[in-house]
Amino acid sequence: MALAARSAKTLNVEYVTDPVAIAEAGIMATPALLVNGKVVSQGKVLTESEIEELL
C-alpha cells in the first residue's frame, strides 16, 4: 500500500480472499498480482521494486 501512495499513477488496490474469484481470474497459486486484469505474477512474494517494474 505504501507503494501505491507514492506512485504517480492512479492505482486501484484490492485484497481478494474469495476462492471463487481467485479461480475465475485463472490464479493457481497465491499471492498473485493482476495489472489491468492480467495476471503478471503468482506464487511469489514480490519486493517493492519488482512490483514497480510490473506496474
C-alpha atoms as a PDB file:
ATOM      1  CA  MET A   1       0.000   0.000   0.000  1.00  0.00           C
ATOM      2  CA  ALA A   2       2.894   2.377   0.637  1.00  0.00           C
ATOM      3  CA  LEU A   3       3.999   1.929  -2.959  1.00  0.00           C
ATOM      4  CA  ALA A   4       0.515   2.872  -4.182  1.00  0.00           C
ATOM      5  CA  ALA A   5       0.582   6.022  -2.059  1.00  0.00           C
ATOM      6  CA  ARG A   6       3.935   7.078  -3.538  1.00  0.00           C
ATOM      7  CA  SER A   7       3.062   6.225  -7.138  1.00  0.00           C
ATOM      8  CA  ALA A   8       2.372   8.960  -9.675  1.00  0.00           C
ATOM      9  CA  LYS A   9      -0.018   6.539 -11.374  1.00  0.00           C
ATOM     10  CA  THR A  10      -3.620   6.049 -10.334  1.00  0.00           C
ATOM     11  CA  LEU A  11      -3.822   2.619  -8.734  1.00  0.00           C
ATOM     12  CA  ASN A  12      -6.758   0.563  -7.525  1.00  0.00           C
ATOM     13  CA  VAL A  13      -5.610  -1.954  -4.918  1.00  0.00           C
ATOM     14  CA  GLU A  14      -7.925  -4.796  -3.932  1.00  0.00           C
ATOM     15  CA  TYR A  15      -7.263  -7.586  -1.440  1.00  0.00           C
ATOM     16  CA  VAL A  16      -9.261 -10.584  -2.655  1.00  0.00           C
ATOM     17  CA  THR A  17      -9.803 -13.659  -0.492  1.00  0.00           C
ATOM     18  CA  ASP A  18     -12.802 -15.219  -2.265  1.00  0.00           C
ATOM     19  CA  PRO A  19     -11.594 -18.566  -3.680  1.00  0.00           C
ATOM     20  CA  VAL A  20     -14.153 -18.449  -6.493  1.00  0.00           C
ATOM     21  CA  ALA A  21     -12.992 -15.001  -7.652  1.00  0.00           C
ATOM     22  CA  ILE A  22      -9.373 -16.135  -7.457  1.00  0.00           C
ATOM     23  CA  ALA A  23     -10.087 -19.240  -9.550  1.00  0.00           C
ATOM     24  CA  GLU A  24     -12.110 -17.228 -12.075  1.00  0.00           C
ATOM     25  CA  ALA A  25      -9.076 -14.973 -12.581  1.00  0.00           C
ATOM     26  CA  GLY A  26      -7.058 -18.065 -13.513  1.00  0.00           C
ATOM     27  CA  ILE A  27      -4.830 -17.872 -10.464  1.00  0.00           C
ATOM     28  CA  MET A  28      -3.400 -21.219  -9.406  1.00  0.00           C
ATOM     29  CA  ALA A  29      -1.034 -20.006  -6.677  1.00  0.00           C
ATOM     30  CA  THR A  30      -1.139 -17.137  -4.224  1.00  0.00           C
ATOM     31  CA  PRO A  31      -0.107 -14.460  -3.649  1.00  0.00           C
ATOM     32  CA  ALA A  32      -0.871 -13.023  -7.069  1.00  0.00           C
ATOM     33  CA  LEU A  33      -0.762  -9.649  -8.753  1.00  0.00           C
ATOM     34  CA  LEU A  34      -3.050  -8.562 -11.566  1.00  0.00           C
ATOM     35  CA  VAL A  35      -2.422  -5.422 -13.608  1.00  0.00           C
ATOM     36  CA  ASN A  36      -5.277  -4.239 -15.818  1.00  0.00           C
ATOM     37  CA  GLY A  37      -6.986  -7.609 -15.378  1.00  0.00           C
ATOM     38  CA  LYS A  38      -3.927  -9.616 -16.477  1.00  0.00           C
ATOM     39  CA  VAL A  39      -2.084 -11.935 -14.084  1.00  0.00           C
ATOM     40  CA  VAL A  40       1.517 -10.708 -14.022  1.00  0.00           C
ATOM     41  CA  SER A  41       2.749 -12.660 -11.008  1.00  0.00           C
ATOM     42  CA  GLN A  42       1.579 -15.576  -8.926  1.00  0.00           C
ATOM     43  CA  GLY A  43       3.016 -17.825  -6.261  1.00  0.00           C
ATOM     44  CA  LYS A  44       5.747 -15.375  -5.240  1.00  0.00           C
ATOM     45  CA  VAL A  45       6.067 -12.628  -2.648  1.00  0.00           C
ATOM     46  CA  LEU A  46       7.324  -9.664  -4.650  1.00  0.00           C
ATOM     47  CA  THR A  47       9.597  -6.895  -3.443  1.00  0.00           C
ATOM     48  CA  GLU A  48       8.518  -3.265  -3.890  1.00  0.00           C
ATOM     49  CA  SER A  49      10.977  -2.848  -6.757  1.00  0.00           C
ATOM     50  CA  GLU A  50       9.597  -5.937  -8.536  1.00  0.00           C
ATOM     51  CA  ILE A  51       6.069  -4.567  -8.192  1.00  0.00           C
ATOM     52  CA  GLU A  52       7.173  -1.183  -9.541  1.00  0.00           C
ATOM     53  CA  GLU A  53       8.612  -2.888 -12.622  1.00  0.00           C
ATOM     54  CA  LEU A  54       5.346  -4.766 -13.243  1.00  0.00           C
ATOM     55  CA  LEU A  55       3.235  -1.640 -12.964  1.00  0.00           C
END
